[in-house]
Amino acid sequence: MADQLTQQIIGAAIEVHRLLGPGLLESVYEEALCHEMSLRDIPFARPAP
């Protein structure tokens, strides 16, 4: 179960990086990854500001 979740998270992160490419602010990737994980129904919690 944990391995499957890990693969889903890595897949979401790779997709975000593939679409956005390198060189953006961390906050941009964070927002995009949260969106991608929501689309994939992967549970997560946003980091505290």
N, C-alpha and C. Protein backbone atom coordinates (compact mmCIF):
# COMPACT_ATOMS: atom_id res chain seq x y z
N MET A 1 0.82 -1.20 0.00
CA MET A 1 0.00 0.00 0.00
C MET A 1 0.86 1.26 0.00
N ALA A 2 1.87 1.31 0.86
CA ALA A 2 2.74 2.49 0.93
C ALA A 2 3.52 2.66 -0.36
N ASP A 3 3.95 1.55 -0.96
CA ASP A 3 4.69 1.64 -2.22
C ASP A 3 3.81 2.23 -3.32
N GLN A 4 2.55 1.85 -3.35
CA GLN A 4 1.62 2.36 -4.36
C GLN A 4 1.41 3.87 -4.17
N LEU A 5 1.22 4.30 -2.93
CA LEU A 5 1.05 5.72 -2.65
C LEU A 5 2.30 6.50 -3.03
N THR A 6 3.46 5.94 -2.70
CA THR A 6 4.73 6.58 -3.06
C THR A 6 4.83 6.76 -4.56
N GLN A 7 4.48 5.73 -5.31
CA GLN A 7 4.54 5.81 -6.77
C GLN A 7 3.56 6.86 -7.31
N GLN A 8 2.39 6.97 -6.71
CA GLN A 8 1.41 7.97 -7.14
C GLN A 8 1.93 9.39 -6.88
N ILE A 9 2.55 9.59 -5.73
CA ILE A 9 3.10 10.92 -5.39
C ILE A 9 4.24 11.28 -6.33
N ILE A 10 5.14 10.34 -6.56
CA ILE A 10 6.26 10.59 -7.47
C ILE A 10 5.74 10.87 -8.87
N GLY A 11 4.75 10.12 -9.31
CA GLY A 11 4.16 10.35 -10.64
C GLY A 11 3.56 11.74 -10.76
N ALA A 12 2.89 12.20 -9.72
CA ALA A 12 2.32 13.55 -9.74
C ALA A 12 3.42 14.60 -9.80
N ALA A 13 4.48 14.41 -9.03
CA ALA A 13 5.59 15.37 -9.03
C ALA A 13 6.29 15.41 -10.38
N ILE A 14 6.48 14.25 -10.99
CA ILE A 14 7.12 14.20 -12.31
C ILE A 14 6.25 14.90 -13.35
N GLU A 15 4.94 14.69 -13.28
CA GLU A 15 4.04 15.33 -14.23
C GLU A 15 4.08 16.85 -14.09
N VAL A 16 4.08 17.34 -12.86
CA VAL A 16 4.16 18.79 -12.63
C VAL A 16 5.46 19.33 -13.22
N HIS A 17 6.56 18.67 -12.95
CA HIS A 17 7.86 19.15 -13.46
C HIS A 17 7.90 19.06 -14.99
N ARG A 18 7.31 18.01 -15.55
CA ARG A 18 7.29 17.86 -17.01
C ARG A 18 6.50 19.00 -17.66
N LEU A 19 5.39 19.37 -17.04
CA LEU A 19 4.56 20.44 -17.61
C LEU A 19 5.14 21.83 -17.40
N LEU A 20 5.71 22.09 -16.22
CA LEU A 20 6.19 23.43 -15.90
C LEU A 20 7.66 23.65 -16.23
N GLY A 21 8.44 22.57 -16.22
CA GLY A 21 9.87 22.71 -16.47
C GLY A 21 10.60 23.28 -15.26
N PRO A 22 11.90 23.44 -15.40
CA PRO A 22 12.71 23.93 -14.29
C PRO A 22 12.72 25.46 -14.20
N GLY A 23 13.19 25.97 -13.05
CA GLY A 23 13.48 27.39 -12.93
C GLY A 23 12.42 28.27 -12.31
N LEU A 24 11.30 27.68 -11.86
CA LEU A 24 10.26 28.50 -11.25
C LEU A 24 10.43 28.53 -9.74
N LEU A 25 9.70 29.41 -9.10
CA LEU A 25 9.73 29.49 -7.64
C LEU A 25 9.12 28.24 -7.03
N GLU A 26 9.60 27.88 -5.85
CA GLU A 26 9.09 26.70 -5.15
C GLU A 26 7.58 26.80 -4.94
N SER A 27 7.09 28.01 -4.67
CA SER A 27 5.65 28.19 -4.42
C SER A 27 4.81 27.82 -5.64
N VAL A 28 5.33 28.03 -6.83
CA VAL A 28 4.62 27.66 -8.06
C VAL A 28 4.50 26.15 -8.15
N TYR A 29 5.60 25.45 -7.90
CA TYR A 29 5.57 23.98 -7.93
C TYR A 29 4.66 23.43 -6.83
N GLU A 30 4.70 24.05 -5.66
CA GLU A 30 3.85 23.60 -4.55
C GLU A 30 2.38 23.70 -4.93
N GLU A 31 1.98 24.83 -5.49
CA GLU A 31 0.59 25.03 -5.89
C GLU A 31 0.19 24.03 -6.97
N ALA A 32 1.06 23.84 -7.95
CA ALA A 32 0.77 22.90 -9.04
C ALA A 32 0.70 21.47 -8.53
N LEU A 33 1.59 21.11 -7.61
CA LEU A 33 1.58 19.75 -7.07
C LEU A 33 0.32 19.51 -6.24
N CYS A 34 -0.10 20.48 -5.47
CA CYS A 34 -1.34 20.34 -4.71
C CYS A 34 -2.52 20.13 -5.65
N HIS A 35 -2.55 20.88 -6.73
CA HIS A 35 -3.62 20.73 -7.72
C HIS A 35 -3.58 19.34 -8.36
N GLU A 36 -2.40 18.91 -8.77
CA GLU A 36 -2.25 17.60 -9.41
C GLU A 36 -2.64 16.47 -8.45
N MET A 37 -2.24 16.59 -7.20
CA MET A 37 -2.59 15.56 -6.23
C MET A 37 -4.10 15.54 -5.97
N SER A 38 -4.74 16.69 -5.99
CA SER A 38 -6.19 16.74 -5.86
C SER A 38 -6.87 16.05 -7.03
N LEU A 39 -6.37 16.31 -8.23
CA LEU A 39 -6.92 15.67 -9.42
C LEU A 39 -6.79 14.15 -9.36
N ARG A 40 -5.72 13.69 -8.76
CA ARG A 40 -5.46 12.24 -8.67
C ARG A 40 -6.03 11.62 -7.39
N ASP A 41 -6.77 12.40 -6.61
CA ASP A 41 -7.35 11.93 -5.34
C ASP A 41 -6.30 11.37 -4.39
N ILE A 42 -5.15 12.03 -4.34
CA ILE A 42 -4.08 11.65 -3.40
C ILE A 42 -4.23 12.54 -2.17
N PRO A 43 -4.42 11.95 -1.00
CA PRO A 43 -4.58 12.78 0.21
C PRO A 43 -3.29 13.51 0.57
N PHE A 44 -3.43 14.76 1.00
CA PHE A 44 -2.27 15.56 1.39
C PHE A 44 -2.72 16.70 2.28
N ALA A 45 -1.79 17.32 2.95
CA ALA A 45 -2.05 18.52 3.74
C ALA A 45 -1.08 19.59 3.30
N ARG A 46 -1.58 20.78 3.12
CA ARG A 46 -0.71 21.90 2.74
C ARG A 46 0.20 22.26 3.90
N PRO A 47 1.44 22.64 3.60
CA PRO A 47 2.33 23.08 4.68
C PRO A 47 1.83 24.39 5.29
N ALA A 48 2.10 24.58 6.56
CA ALA A 48 1.72 25.82 7.24
C ALA A 48 2.59 26.97 6.72
N PRO A 49 2.00 28.16 6.58
CA PRO A 49 2.79 29.30 6.06
C PRO A 49 3.86 29.77 7.03
